[in-house]
Amino acid sequence: MPKSHAAADRLDQLVRRLRNDIKFGSFSHGEWLKLIELQARYDATQFDIRKALAELKSQRLVEHRANHGFRVATPDPVQREQLYFVRTAIERSAAGLIVERASADDVAILERLAAAFDQTVESQGRQHQAAANAAFHDHFFAITGNPVLVETVQSLRERSHFGTSGRWRSTEGLRGSGAEHHEMVTAIGQRDADGLDRLIVRHIAAF
C-alpha cells in the first residue's frame, strides 16, 4: 500500500475509534480532550490526533475553543427527545412484521449476533461493541424486507448515539443491553409481537 494511502487509512481508523468512543460514552459531554492523553490512548501522533479532532468538529461531536483546545460537544436535549420519539415510533412499527416474517434461520442468526455482542462487553472496546451492536440491529430490521425502513432506522440510530443517556458507560449497562437483545430474540421465536414491541420501547428508552 502506498505511504499516502496507508496514512489516510490510519487516520480514517483513528476517526472511527474516536467517534465511537465519544458516541458510546467513553468520554463525558463537555469533557476536555487532552492531546497527550489521546496520543497515548490511541497510539497516534499529535498531528493525527489534531486532524481526527478537526474531522469530528466538522461532525459536531467536538468543539474547539481558541487557547483551550477541544472538548466533547453537548447534545441539544430537545433534539434528543425529538429524535428518540421518532425512533420509537418507527422501530416499534416493525415489531409485527418482524415476528410475521422471521424464519428459524433468522432467529438462529440473531441469537448468534446477540452472543457476539455479549463477547465484546468485557474488554474489546467501543469499536467492536458498536460493530457487534450494529450487526444485530441491522439483521433485526432487515427481516422486515423493507430497505427504506432499514435505511431510515440505521440513520436515526446513528444520529441518536451521540445523545445517549450513558448506558454504555458501564459494563453493567452493556450487559443490560445485551440481555435485551436475547429477550428480543426469544419474543420473535415465540411470535410475540406485543412483547417485542414493549422490548423495543424499553431498549430505546434505556439507551
N, C-alpha and C. Protein backbone atom coordinates (compact mmCIF):
# COMPACT_ATOMS: atom_id res chain seq x y z
N MET A 1 0.85 -1.19 0.00
CA MET A 1 0.00 0.00 0.00
C MET A 1 0.89 1.24 0.00
N PRO A 2 0.65 2.22 -0.93
CA PRO A 2 1.44 3.45 -0.93
C PRO A 2 1.36 4.16 0.41
N LYS A 3 2.43 4.91 0.71
CA LYS A 3 2.52 5.57 2.01
C LYS A 3 1.34 6.51 2.24
N SER A 4 0.93 7.26 1.19
CA SER A 4 -0.17 8.20 1.35
C SER A 4 -1.47 7.48 1.67
N HIS A 5 -1.69 6.30 1.01
CA HIS A 5 -2.89 5.53 1.28
C HIS A 5 -2.87 4.96 2.70
N ALA A 6 -1.71 4.52 3.14
CA ALA A 6 -1.58 3.97 4.49
C ALA A 6 -1.88 5.04 5.54
N ALA A 7 -1.40 6.25 5.29
CA ALA A 7 -1.64 7.35 6.23
C ALA A 7 -3.12 7.71 6.28
N ALA A 8 -3.76 7.72 5.10
CA ALA A 8 -5.19 8.04 5.05
C ALA A 8 -6.01 6.96 5.76
N ASP A 9 -5.62 5.70 5.56
CA ASP A 9 -6.33 4.60 6.21
C ASP A 9 -6.16 4.67 7.72
N ARG A 10 -4.95 4.99 8.16
CA ARG A 10 -4.68 5.11 9.60
C ARG A 10 -5.52 6.22 10.21
N LEU A 11 -5.63 7.34 9.51
CA LEU A 11 -6.42 8.46 10.02
C LEU A 11 -7.90 8.10 10.05
N ASP A 12 -8.39 7.43 9.01
CA ASP A 12 -9.80 7.00 8.99
C ASP A 12 -10.11 6.10 10.18
N GLN A 13 -9.23 5.16 10.47
CA GLN A 13 -9.44 4.27 11.60
C GLN A 13 -9.44 5.03 12.92
N LEU A 14 -8.55 6.01 13.03
CA LEU A 14 -8.48 6.82 14.24
C LEU A 14 -9.78 7.61 14.44
N VAL A 15 -10.27 8.19 13.35
CA VAL A 15 -11.53 8.95 13.43
C VAL A 15 -12.67 8.05 13.87
N ARG A 16 -12.74 6.84 13.30
CA ARG A 16 -13.81 5.91 13.67
C ARG A 16 -13.72 5.52 15.14
N ARG A 17 -12.50 5.25 15.61
CA ARG A 17 -12.34 4.86 17.02
C ARG A 17 -12.75 5.99 17.95
N LEU A 18 -12.29 7.19 17.66
CA LEU A 18 -12.65 8.34 18.48
C LEU A 18 -14.15 8.61 18.43
N ARG A 19 -14.72 8.52 17.24
CA ARG A 19 -16.16 8.78 17.09
C ARG A 19 -16.98 7.78 17.90
N ASN A 20 -16.63 6.52 17.82
CA ASN A 20 -17.37 5.52 18.58
C ASN A 20 -17.20 5.71 20.08
N ASP A 21 -15.99 6.05 20.50
CA ASP A 21 -15.76 6.28 21.93
C ASP A 21 -16.57 7.47 22.44
N ILE A 22 -16.66 8.51 21.63
CA ILE A 22 -17.43 9.68 22.03
C ILE A 22 -18.93 9.36 22.01
N LYS A 23 -19.39 8.73 20.94
CA LYS A 23 -20.82 8.47 20.81
C LYS A 23 -21.33 7.50 21.86
N PHE A 24 -20.50 6.53 22.25
CA PHE A 24 -20.98 5.50 23.15
C PHE A 24 -20.49 5.68 24.59
N GLY A 25 -20.08 6.91 24.92
CA GLY A 25 -19.92 7.24 26.33
C GLY A 25 -18.58 7.03 26.98
N SER A 26 -17.51 6.81 26.21
CA SER A 26 -16.19 6.70 26.85
C SER A 26 -15.73 8.06 27.39
N PHE A 27 -16.27 9.13 26.81
CA PHE A 27 -15.98 10.49 27.28
C PHE A 27 -17.30 11.16 27.64
N SER A 28 -17.27 12.02 28.62
CA SER A 28 -18.47 12.73 29.05
C SER A 28 -18.72 13.95 28.18
N HIS A 29 -19.97 14.33 28.04
CA HIS A 29 -20.30 15.56 27.33
C HIS A 29 -19.64 16.74 28.02
N GLY A 30 -18.96 17.58 27.24
CA GLY A 30 -18.28 18.75 27.80
C GLY A 30 -16.88 18.47 28.29
N GLU A 31 -16.45 17.21 28.25
CA GLU A 31 -15.11 16.85 28.75
C GLU A 31 -14.03 17.39 27.82
N TRP A 32 -12.99 17.99 28.42
CA TRP A 32 -11.86 18.48 27.64
C TRP A 32 -10.99 17.28 27.23
N LEU A 33 -10.55 17.30 25.99
CA LEU A 33 -9.76 16.20 25.44
C LEU A 33 -8.29 16.62 25.38
N LYS A 34 -7.47 16.00 26.21
CA LYS A 34 -6.06 16.37 26.28
C LYS A 34 -5.27 15.59 25.23
N LEU A 35 -4.55 16.33 24.40
CA LEU A 35 -3.85 15.72 23.27
C LEU A 35 -2.88 14.64 23.71
N ILE A 36 -2.11 14.90 24.75
CA ILE A 36 -1.10 13.93 25.17
C ILE A 36 -1.74 12.63 25.65
N GLU A 37 -2.90 12.73 26.30
CA GLU A 37 -3.61 11.53 26.75
C GLU A 37 -4.21 10.77 25.57
N LEU A 38 -4.72 11.51 24.59
CA LEU A 38 -5.26 10.86 23.40
C LEU A 38 -4.16 10.18 22.59
N GLN A 39 -2.99 10.79 22.53
CA GLN A 39 -1.86 10.17 21.83
C GLN A 39 -1.53 8.81 22.43
N ALA A 40 -1.49 8.76 23.75
CA ALA A 40 -1.15 7.50 24.43
C ALA A 40 -2.29 6.49 24.29
N ARG A 41 -3.51 6.96 24.42
CA ARG A 41 -4.67 6.06 24.38
C ARG A 41 -4.83 5.40 23.01
N TYR A 42 -4.58 6.17 21.95
CA TYR A 42 -4.81 5.66 20.60
C TYR A 42 -3.52 5.36 19.84
N ASP A 43 -2.40 5.48 20.54
CA ASP A 43 -1.10 5.19 19.93
C ASP A 43 -0.96 5.93 18.61
N ALA A 44 -1.17 7.24 18.67
CA ALA A 44 -1.17 8.07 17.46
C ALA A 44 -0.31 9.31 17.68
N THR A 45 0.10 9.92 16.58
CA THR A 45 0.88 11.15 16.66
C THR A 45 -0.03 12.32 16.99
N GLN A 46 0.57 13.39 17.51
CA GLN A 46 -0.21 14.60 17.80
C GLN A 46 -0.83 15.15 16.51
N PHE A 47 -0.09 15.05 15.41
CA PHE A 47 -0.61 15.52 14.13
C PHE A 47 -1.89 14.78 13.75
N ASP A 48 -1.87 13.45 13.86
CA ASP A 48 -3.06 12.67 13.51
C ASP A 48 -4.21 12.92 14.47
N ILE A 49 -3.90 13.08 15.75
CA ILE A 49 -4.95 13.37 16.73
C ILE A 49 -5.63 14.69 16.39
N ARG A 50 -4.84 15.70 16.06
CA ARG A 50 -5.41 17.01 15.72
C ARG A 50 -6.28 16.92 14.46
N LYS A 51 -5.82 16.17 13.46
CA LYS A 51 -6.60 16.02 12.23
C LYS A 51 -7.91 15.28 12.51
N ALA A 52 -7.84 14.26 13.36
CA ALA A 52 -9.04 13.50 13.70
C ALA A 52 -10.03 14.38 14.45
N LEU A 53 -9.55 15.18 15.38
CA LEU A 53 -10.43 16.06 16.14
C LEU A 53 -11.05 17.13 15.24
N ALA A 54 -10.29 17.60 14.26
CA ALA A 54 -10.83 18.58 13.32
C ALA A 54 -11.98 17.96 12.52
N GLU A 55 -11.81 16.69 12.12
CA GLU A 55 -12.87 16.00 11.40
C GLU A 55 -14.10 15.83 12.29
N LEU A 56 -13.90 15.47 13.54
CA LEU A 56 -15.02 15.29 14.46
C LEU A 56 -15.69 16.62 14.79
N LYS A 57 -14.92 17.70 14.73
CA LYS A 57 -15.52 19.03 14.90
C LYS A 57 -16.48 19.31 13.75
N SER A 58 -16.11 18.92 12.53
CA SER A 58 -16.99 19.13 11.38
C SER A 58 -18.27 18.31 11.51
N GLN A 59 -18.20 17.20 12.28
CA GLN A 59 -19.36 16.36 12.52
C GLN A 59 -20.13 16.79 13.77
N ARG A 60 -19.67 17.87 14.40
CA ARG A 60 -20.30 18.46 15.58
C ARG A 60 -20.27 17.54 16.80
N LEU A 61 -19.29 16.67 16.83
CA LEU A 61 -19.12 15.80 18.00
C LEU A 61 -18.16 16.42 19.01
N VAL A 62 -17.27 17.28 18.54
CA VAL A 62 -16.39 18.01 19.44
C VAL A 62 -16.44 19.49 19.10
N GLU A 63 -16.03 20.30 20.05
CA GLU A 63 -15.97 21.76 19.87
C GLU A 63 -14.53 22.21 20.09
N HIS A 64 -14.15 23.29 19.47
CA HIS A 64 -12.81 23.84 19.66
C HIS A 64 -12.91 25.26 20.17
N ARG A 65 -12.14 25.54 21.21
CA ARG A 65 -12.06 26.90 21.74
C ARG A 65 -10.62 27.35 21.69
N ALA A 66 -10.41 28.51 21.10
CA ALA A 66 -9.04 29.05 20.99
C ALA A 66 -8.41 29.17 22.35
N ASN A 67 -7.14 28.73 22.43
CA ASN A 67 -6.34 28.79 23.66
C ASN A 67 -6.81 27.81 24.74
N HIS A 68 -7.78 26.99 24.41
CA HIS A 68 -8.25 25.99 25.37
C HIS A 68 -8.13 24.57 24.80
N GLY A 69 -8.48 24.39 23.54
CA GLY A 69 -8.38 23.08 22.94
C GLY A 69 -9.74 22.53 22.53
N PHE A 70 -9.81 21.21 22.51
CA PHE A 70 -11.03 20.52 22.08
C PHE A 70 -11.76 19.92 23.29
N ARG A 71 -13.07 19.93 23.20
CA ARG A 71 -13.87 19.24 24.21
C ARG A 71 -15.06 18.56 23.52
N VAL A 72 -15.60 17.55 24.19
CA VAL A 72 -16.75 16.84 23.66
C VAL A 72 -17.95 17.78 23.67
N ALA A 73 -18.66 17.82 22.55
CA ALA A 73 -19.83 18.68 22.45
C ALA A 73 -20.95 18.16 23.35
N THR A 74 -21.87 19.03 23.69
CA THR A 74 -23.04 18.65 24.48
C THR A 74 -24.26 18.66 23.58
N PRO A 75 -24.94 17.52 23.42
CA PRO A 75 -26.09 17.47 22.51
C PRO A 75 -27.26 18.30 23.02
N ASP A 76 -28.07 18.77 22.10
CA ASP A 76 -29.27 19.53 22.41
C ASP A 76 -30.32 18.58 23.00
N PRO A 77 -30.74 18.76 24.25
CA PRO A 77 -31.69 17.83 24.87
C PRO A 77 -33.05 17.80 24.17
N VAL A 78 -33.48 18.92 23.62
CA VAL A 78 -34.77 18.96 22.91
C VAL A 78 -34.67 18.11 21.64
N GLN A 79 -33.59 18.28 20.90
CA GLN A 79 -33.40 17.50 19.69
C GLN A 79 -33.29 16.02 20.01
N ARG A 80 -32.64 15.71 21.14
CA ARG A 80 -32.51 14.32 21.55
C ARG A 80 -33.88 13.69 21.78
N GLU A 81 -34.75 14.39 22.50
CA GLU A 81 -36.08 13.86 22.77
C GLU A 81 -36.89 13.70 21.49
N GLN A 82 -36.77 14.65 20.58
CA GLN A 82 -37.48 14.57 19.31
C GLN A 82 -37.00 13.37 18.50
N LEU A 83 -35.69 13.16 18.50
CA LEU A 83 -35.11 12.05 17.76
C LEU A 83 -35.55 10.71 18.35
N TYR A 84 -35.56 10.61 19.67
CA TYR A 84 -35.97 9.37 20.31
C TYR A 84 -37.47 9.09 20.09
N PHE A 85 -38.26 10.14 20.03
CA PHE A 85 -39.68 9.97 19.75
C PHE A 85 -39.88 9.34 18.37
N VAL A 86 -39.17 9.88 17.37
CA VAL A 86 -39.30 9.36 16.01
C VAL A 86 -38.75 7.94 15.92
N ARG A 87 -37.61 7.71 16.57
CA ARG A 87 -37.04 6.36 16.58
C ARG A 87 -38.02 5.35 17.15
N THR A 88 -38.62 5.69 18.26
CA THR A 88 -39.55 4.77 18.92
C THR A 88 -40.74 4.47 18.02
N ALA A 89 -41.29 5.51 17.39
CA ALA A 89 -42.45 5.32 16.53
C ALA A 89 -42.13 4.40 15.36
N ILE A 90 -40.97 4.61 14.74
CA ILE A 90 -40.62 3.82 13.56
C ILE A 90 -40.19 2.40 13.94
N GLU A 91 -39.35 2.27 14.94
CA GLU A 91 -38.84 0.95 15.28
C GLU A 91 -39.93 0.02 15.80
N ARG A 92 -40.84 0.55 16.62
CA ARG A 92 -41.87 -0.34 17.16
C ARG A 92 -42.88 -0.73 16.08
N SER A 93 -42.98 0.09 15.03
CA SER A 93 -43.90 -0.24 13.93
C SER A 93 -43.43 -1.49 13.19
N ALA A 94 -42.15 -1.84 13.35
CA ALA A 94 -41.60 -3.01 12.67
C ALA A 94 -41.85 -4.31 13.42
N ALA A 95 -42.27 -4.25 14.66
CA ALA A 95 -42.37 -5.44 15.51
C ALA A 95 -43.25 -6.52 14.89
N GLY A 96 -44.45 -6.15 14.47
CA GLY A 96 -45.36 -7.14 13.92
C GLY A 96 -44.82 -7.79 12.66
N LEU A 97 -44.20 -6.98 11.80
CA LEU A 97 -43.66 -7.51 10.56
C LEU A 97 -42.48 -8.44 10.81
N ILE A 98 -41.64 -8.09 11.78
CA ILE A 98 -40.50 -8.95 12.12
C ILE A 98 -40.99 -10.31 12.62
N VAL A 99 -41.95 -10.29 13.52
CA VAL A 99 -42.49 -11.53 14.07
C VAL A 99 -43.14 -12.37 12.98
N GLU A 100 -43.82 -11.70 12.07
CA GLU A 100 -44.51 -12.41 10.98
C GLU A 100 -43.54 -13.03 9.99
N ARG A 101 -42.46 -12.32 9.68
CA ARG A 101 -41.58 -12.75 8.60
C ARG A 101 -40.37 -13.55 9.04
N ALA A 102 -40.02 -13.51 10.32
CA ALA A 102 -38.79 -14.15 10.78
C ALA A 102 -38.83 -15.66 10.58
N SER A 103 -37.77 -16.19 10.00
CA SER A 103 -37.65 -17.64 9.82
C SER A 103 -36.86 -18.23 10.98
N ALA A 104 -36.81 -19.55 11.04
CA ALA A 104 -36.00 -20.20 12.08
C ALA A 104 -34.53 -19.82 11.90
N ASP A 105 -34.09 -19.67 10.65
CA ASP A 105 -32.71 -19.25 10.40
C ASP A 105 -32.46 -17.84 10.92
N ASP A 106 -33.44 -16.94 10.73
CA ASP A 106 -33.30 -15.57 11.24
C ASP A 106 -33.14 -15.58 12.76
N VAL A 107 -33.95 -16.38 13.44
CA VAL A 107 -33.86 -16.46 14.89
C VAL A 107 -32.48 -16.97 15.32
N ALA A 108 -31.98 -17.98 14.61
CA ALA A 108 -30.65 -18.53 14.93
C ALA A 108 -29.56 -17.50 14.68
N ILE A 109 -29.67 -16.76 13.59
CA ILE A 109 -28.67 -15.74 13.28
C ILE A 109 -28.68 -14.64 14.33
N LEU A 110 -29.88 -14.19 14.71
CA LEU A 110 -29.97 -13.15 15.74
C LEU A 110 -29.39 -13.62 17.07
N GLU A 111 -29.63 -14.88 17.41
CA GLU A 111 -29.07 -15.41 18.65
C GLU A 111 -27.54 -15.40 18.61
N ARG A 112 -26.98 -15.76 17.46
CA ARG A 112 -25.52 -15.73 17.32
C ARG A 112 -24.99 -14.30 17.40
N LEU A 113 -25.69 -13.37 16.76
CA LEU A 113 -25.26 -11.97 16.80
C LEU A 113 -25.38 -11.39 18.20
N ALA A 114 -26.43 -11.78 18.93
CA ALA A 114 -26.57 -11.33 20.32
C ALA A 114 -25.43 -11.86 21.17
N ALA A 115 -25.08 -13.12 20.95
CA ALA A 115 -23.96 -13.72 21.70
C ALA A 115 -22.64 -13.05 21.34
N ALA A 116 -22.49 -12.67 20.06
CA ALA A 116 -21.26 -11.99 19.62
C ALA A 116 -21.13 -10.64 20.32
N PHE A 117 -22.25 -9.93 20.49
CA PHE A 117 -22.21 -8.67 21.23
C PHE A 117 -21.79 -8.91 22.68
N ASP A 118 -22.35 -9.95 23.30
CA ASP A 118 -22.01 -10.27 24.68
C ASP A 118 -20.50 -10.44 24.85
N GLN A 119 -19.87 -11.05 23.87
CA GLN A 119 -18.44 -11.33 23.96
C GLN A 119 -17.59 -10.07 23.91
N THR A 120 -18.15 -8.98 23.38
CA THR A 120 -17.39 -7.73 23.31
C THR A 120 -17.47 -6.91 24.59
N VAL A 121 -18.38 -7.27 25.47
CA VAL A 121 -18.71 -6.40 26.60
C VAL A 121 -17.54 -6.21 27.57
N GLU A 122 -16.84 -7.27 27.88
CA GLU A 122 -15.87 -7.21 28.96
C GLU A 122 -14.61 -6.42 28.62
N SER A 123 -14.11 -6.56 27.38
CA SER A 123 -12.79 -5.97 27.16
C SER A 123 -12.50 -5.48 25.76
N GLN A 124 -13.36 -5.70 24.79
CA GLN A 124 -12.97 -5.43 23.42
C GLN A 124 -13.10 -3.97 22.98
N GLY A 125 -13.72 -3.13 23.76
CA GLY A 125 -13.75 -1.71 23.44
C GLY A 125 -14.90 -1.30 22.55
N ARG A 126 -15.08 0.03 22.44
CA ARG A 126 -16.23 0.59 21.76
C ARG A 126 -16.29 0.23 20.27
N GLN A 127 -15.13 0.14 19.64
CA GLN A 127 -15.13 -0.16 18.21
C GLN A 127 -15.82 -1.50 17.94
N HIS A 128 -15.43 -2.53 18.67
CA HIS A 128 -16.02 -3.86 18.48
C HIS A 128 -17.45 -3.91 19.01
N GLN A 129 -17.69 -3.23 20.13
CA GLN A 129 -19.05 -3.22 20.69
C GLN A 129 -20.03 -2.56 19.73
N ALA A 130 -19.63 -1.43 19.16
CA ALA A 130 -20.50 -0.72 18.24
C ALA A 130 -20.78 -1.56 16.99
N ALA A 131 -19.74 -2.22 16.48
CA ALA A 131 -19.90 -3.04 15.28
C ALA A 131 -20.82 -4.23 15.54
N ALA A 132 -20.63 -4.88 16.70
CA ALA A 132 -21.46 -6.03 17.04
C ALA A 132 -22.90 -5.62 17.28
N ASN A 133 -23.09 -4.48 17.92
CA ASN A 133 -24.44 -3.97 18.17
C ASN A 133 -25.14 -3.64 16.85
N ALA A 134 -24.42 -2.99 15.95
CA ALA A 134 -24.99 -2.64 14.64
C ALA A 134 -25.36 -3.89 13.85
N ALA A 135 -24.50 -4.91 13.91
CA ALA A 135 -24.77 -6.15 13.17
C ALA A 135 -26.08 -6.79 13.64
N PHE A 136 -26.29 -6.79 14.96
CA PHE A 136 -27.54 -7.36 15.49
C PHE A 136 -28.75 -6.59 14.99
N HIS A 137 -28.72 -5.26 15.16
CA HIS A 137 -29.88 -4.47 14.80
C HIS A 137 -30.09 -4.39 13.29
N ASP A 138 -29.03 -4.43 12.52
CA ASP A 138 -29.19 -4.43 11.06
C ASP A 138 -29.94 -5.68 10.60
N HIS A 139 -29.58 -6.84 11.14
CA HIS A 139 -30.29 -8.06 10.73
C HIS A 139 -31.71 -8.06 11.29
N PHE A 140 -31.86 -7.58 12.50
CA PHE A 140 -33.17 -7.49 13.16
C PHE A 140 -34.17 -6.77 12.26
N PHE A 141 -33.80 -5.60 11.75
CA PHE A 141 -34.72 -4.82 10.94
C PHE A 141 -34.74 -5.28 9.48
N ALA A 142 -33.68 -5.93 9.02
CA ALA A 142 -33.67 -6.45 7.66
C ALA A 142 -34.74 -7.52 7.47
N ILE A 143 -35.13 -8.16 8.55
CA ILE A 143 -36.17 -9.20 8.48
C ILE A 143 -37.47 -8.63 7.92
N THR A 144 -37.71 -7.33 8.09
CA THR A 144 -38.94 -6.72 7.59
C THR A 144 -39.02 -6.80 6.06
N GLY A 145 -37.88 -6.91 5.41
CA GLY A 145 -37.87 -6.93 3.96
C GLY A 145 -38.12 -5.57 3.34
N ASN A 146 -38.05 -4.52 4.15
CA ASN A 146 -38.31 -3.15 3.69
C ASN A 146 -37.01 -2.33 3.77
N PRO A 147 -36.29 -2.17 2.66
CA PRO A 147 -35.00 -1.48 2.70
C PRO A 147 -35.11 -0.02 3.09
N VAL A 148 -36.24 0.62 2.78
CA VAL A 148 -36.42 2.02 3.16
C VAL A 148 -36.49 2.13 4.68
N LEU A 149 -37.22 1.23 5.30
CA LEU A 149 -37.30 1.21 6.76
C LEU A 149 -35.92 0.95 7.37
N VAL A 150 -35.20 -0.01 6.80
CA VAL A 150 -33.87 -0.35 7.32
C VAL A 150 -32.94 0.86 7.25
N GLU A 151 -32.91 1.53 6.11
CA GLU A 151 -32.05 2.70 5.95
C GLU A 151 -32.45 3.83 6.90
N THR A 152 -33.74 4.01 7.08
CA THR A 152 -34.23 5.07 7.98
C THR A 152 -33.84 4.78 9.41
N VAL A 153 -34.02 3.54 9.84
CA VAL A 153 -33.66 3.15 11.21
C VAL A 153 -32.16 3.32 11.41
N GLN A 154 -31.35 2.88 10.46
CA GLN A 154 -29.90 3.00 10.58
C GLN A 154 -29.49 4.46 10.73
N SER A 155 -30.10 5.33 9.95
CA SER A 155 -29.77 6.75 10.02
C SER A 155 -30.16 7.36 11.36
N LEU A 156 -31.35 7.03 11.84
CA LEU A 156 -31.81 7.57 13.12
C LEU A 156 -30.99 7.03 14.28
N ARG A 157 -30.63 5.76 14.22
CA ARG A 157 -29.80 5.18 15.28
C ARG A 157 -28.43 5.84 15.30
N GLU A 158 -27.85 6.06 14.13
CA GLU A 158 -26.54 6.72 14.06
C GLU A 158 -26.60 8.12 14.65
N ARG A 159 -27.66 8.86 14.34
CA ARG A 159 -27.79 10.22 14.86
C ARG A 159 -28.04 10.24 16.35
N SER A 160 -28.74 9.24 16.87
CA SER A 160 -29.12 9.25 18.29
C SER A 160 -28.01 8.76 19.21
N HIS A 161 -27.00 8.09 18.67
CA HIS A 161 -25.95 7.55 19.54
C HIS A 161 -25.26 8.63 20.36
N PHE A 162 -25.05 9.79 19.77
CA PHE A 162 -24.36 10.84 20.49
C PHE A 162 -25.18 11.37 21.66
N GLY A 163 -26.50 11.22 21.57
CA GLY A 163 -27.36 11.70 22.64
C GLY A 163 -27.64 10.67 23.71
N THR A 164 -26.93 9.55 23.68
CA THR A 164 -27.20 8.50 24.64
C THR A 164 -27.13 9.01 26.08
N SER A 165 -28.02 8.47 26.89
CA SER A 165 -28.04 8.85 28.31
C SER A 165 -26.88 8.23 29.07
N GLY A 166 -26.14 7.36 28.41
CA GLY A 166 -24.92 6.85 29.03
C GLY A 166 -24.96 5.40 29.43
N ARG A 167 -25.89 4.61 28.90
CA ARG A 167 -25.98 3.21 29.28
C ARG A 167 -24.68 2.46 29.00
N TRP A 168 -24.00 2.84 27.95
CA TRP A 168 -22.77 2.14 27.58
C TRP A 168 -21.56 2.64 28.36
N ARG A 169 -21.76 3.50 29.31
CA ARG A 169 -20.63 3.99 30.12
C ARG A 169 -20.18 2.97 31.16
N SER A 170 -20.97 1.92 31.36
CA SER A 170 -20.61 0.92 32.37
C SER A 170 -20.78 -0.49 31.81
N THR A 171 -20.03 -1.42 32.36
CA THR A 171 -20.17 -2.81 31.96
C THR A 171 -21.56 -3.32 32.27
N GLU A 172 -22.11 -2.87 33.39
CA GLU A 172 -23.47 -3.28 33.77
C GLU A 172 -24.48 -2.82 32.72
N GLY A 173 -24.32 -1.60 32.22
CA GLY A 173 -25.22 -1.10 31.20
C GLY A 173 -25.10 -1.88 29.90
N LEU A 174 -23.87 -2.22 29.52
CA LEU A 174 -23.65 -3.02 28.32
C LEU A 174 -24.29 -4.40 28.46
N ARG A 175 -24.15 -4.99 29.63
CA ARG A 175 -24.77 -6.29 29.86
C ARG A 175 -26.29 -6.20 29.76
N GLY A 176 -26.84 -5.10 30.29
CA GLY A 176 -28.29 -4.91 30.20
C GLY A 176 -28.75 -4.82 28.76
N SER A 177 -27.99 -4.11 27.95
CA SER A 177 -28.31 -4.00 26.53
C SER A 177 -28.25 -5.37 25.86
N GLY A 178 -27.22 -6.14 26.21
CA GLY A 178 -27.08 -7.48 25.65
C GLY A 178 -28.21 -8.40 26.07
N ALA A 179 -28.62 -8.31 27.32
CA ALA A 179 -29.72 -9.15 27.81
C ALA A 179 -31.01 -8.85 27.05
N GLU A 180 -31.24 -7.59 26.72
CA GLU A 180 -32.44 -7.23 25.97
C GLU A 180 -32.39 -7.78 24.55
N HIS A 181 -31.19 -7.85 23.97
CA HIS A 181 -31.08 -8.48 22.65
C HIS A 181 -31.62 -9.92 22.70
N HIS A 182 -31.22 -10.65 23.72
CA HIS A 182 -31.67 -12.04 23.85
C HIS A 182 -33.17 -12.12 24.10
N GLU A 183 -33.70 -11.19 24.88
CA GLU A 183 -35.14 -11.16 25.12
C GLU A 183 -35.90 -10.90 23.82
N MET A 184 -35.37 -10.05 22.98
CA MET A 184 -35.99 -9.77 21.68
C MET A 184 -36.02 -11.03 20.82
N VAL A 185 -34.91 -11.75 20.81
CA VAL A 185 -34.85 -12.97 20.02
C VAL A 185 -35.87 -13.98 20.53
N THR A 186 -36.01 -14.10 21.84
CA THR A 186 -37.00 -15.01 22.43
C THR A 186 -38.41 -14.61 22.01
N ALA A 187 -38.71 -13.31 22.04
CA ALA A 187 -40.04 -12.84 21.65
C ALA A 187 -40.33 -13.17 20.19
N ILE A 188 -39.32 -13.01 19.35
CA ILE A 188 -39.52 -13.35 17.93
C ILE A 188 -39.78 -14.84 17.77
N GLY A 189 -38.97 -15.65 18.45
CA GLY A 189 -39.15 -17.09 18.38
C GLY A 189 -40.51 -17.55 18.86
N GLN A 190 -41.07 -16.81 19.80
CA GLN A 190 -42.40 -17.15 20.34
C GLN A 190 -43.54 -16.46 19.59
N ARG A 191 -43.20 -15.72 18.55
CA ARG A 191 -44.19 -14.99 17.75
C ARG A 191 -45.00 -14.03 18.62
N ASP A 192 -44.30 -13.37 19.53
CA ASP A 192 -44.94 -12.46 20.48
C ASP A 192 -44.70 -11.01 20.03
N ALA A 193 -45.58 -10.52 19.15
CA ALA A 193 -45.41 -9.17 18.62
C ALA A 193 -45.56 -8.10 19.70
N ASP A 194 -46.52 -8.29 20.61
CA ASP A 194 -46.73 -7.31 21.68
C ASP A 194 -45.52 -7.26 22.61
N GLY A 195 -44.99 -8.43 22.93
CA GLY A 195 -43.81 -8.47 23.78
C GLY A 195 -42.61 -7.82 23.11
N LEU A 196 -42.45 -8.06 21.81
CA LEU A 196 -41.35 -7.46 21.07
C LEU A 196 -41.50 -5.95 21.01
N ASP A 197 -42.72 -5.49 20.82
CA ASP A 197 -42.99 -4.05 20.82
C ASP A 197 -42.55 -3.42 22.13
N ARG A 198 -42.91 -4.03 23.25
CA ARG A 198 -42.54 -3.48 24.56
C ARG A 198 -41.02 -3.48 24.74
N LEU A 199 -40.36 -4.51 24.26
CA LEU A 199 -38.90 -4.60 24.39
C LEU A 199 -38.20 -3.53 23.56
N ILE A 200 -38.72 -3.25 22.38
CA ILE A 200 -38.13 -2.22 21.54
C ILE A 200 -38.23 -0.86 22.24
N VAL A 201 -39.40 -0.57 22.79
CA VAL A 201 -39.59 0.70 23.51
C VAL A 201 -38.63 0.79 24.69
N ARG A 202 -38.51 -0.28 25.45
CA ARG A 202 -37.63 -0.29 26.62
C ARG A 202 -36.17 -0.16 26.22
N HIS A 203 -35.80 -0.81 25.14
CA HIS A 203 -34.41 -0.79 24.67
C HIS A 203 -33.99 0.63 24.28
N ILE A 204 -34.88 1.32 23.58
CA ILE A 204 -34.57 2.69 23.17
C ILE A 204 -34.52 3.63 24.38
N ALA A 205 -35.50 3.50 25.25
CA ALA A 205 -35.57 4.38 26.43
C ALA A 205 -34.35 4.23 27.33
N ALA A 206 -33.85 3.00 27.45
CA ALA A 206 -32.71 2.75 28.35
C ALA A 206 -31.42 3.28 27.76
N PHE A 207 -31.34 3.36 26.45
CA PHE A 207 -30.10 3.79 25.81
C PHE A 207 -29.84 5.27 26.03
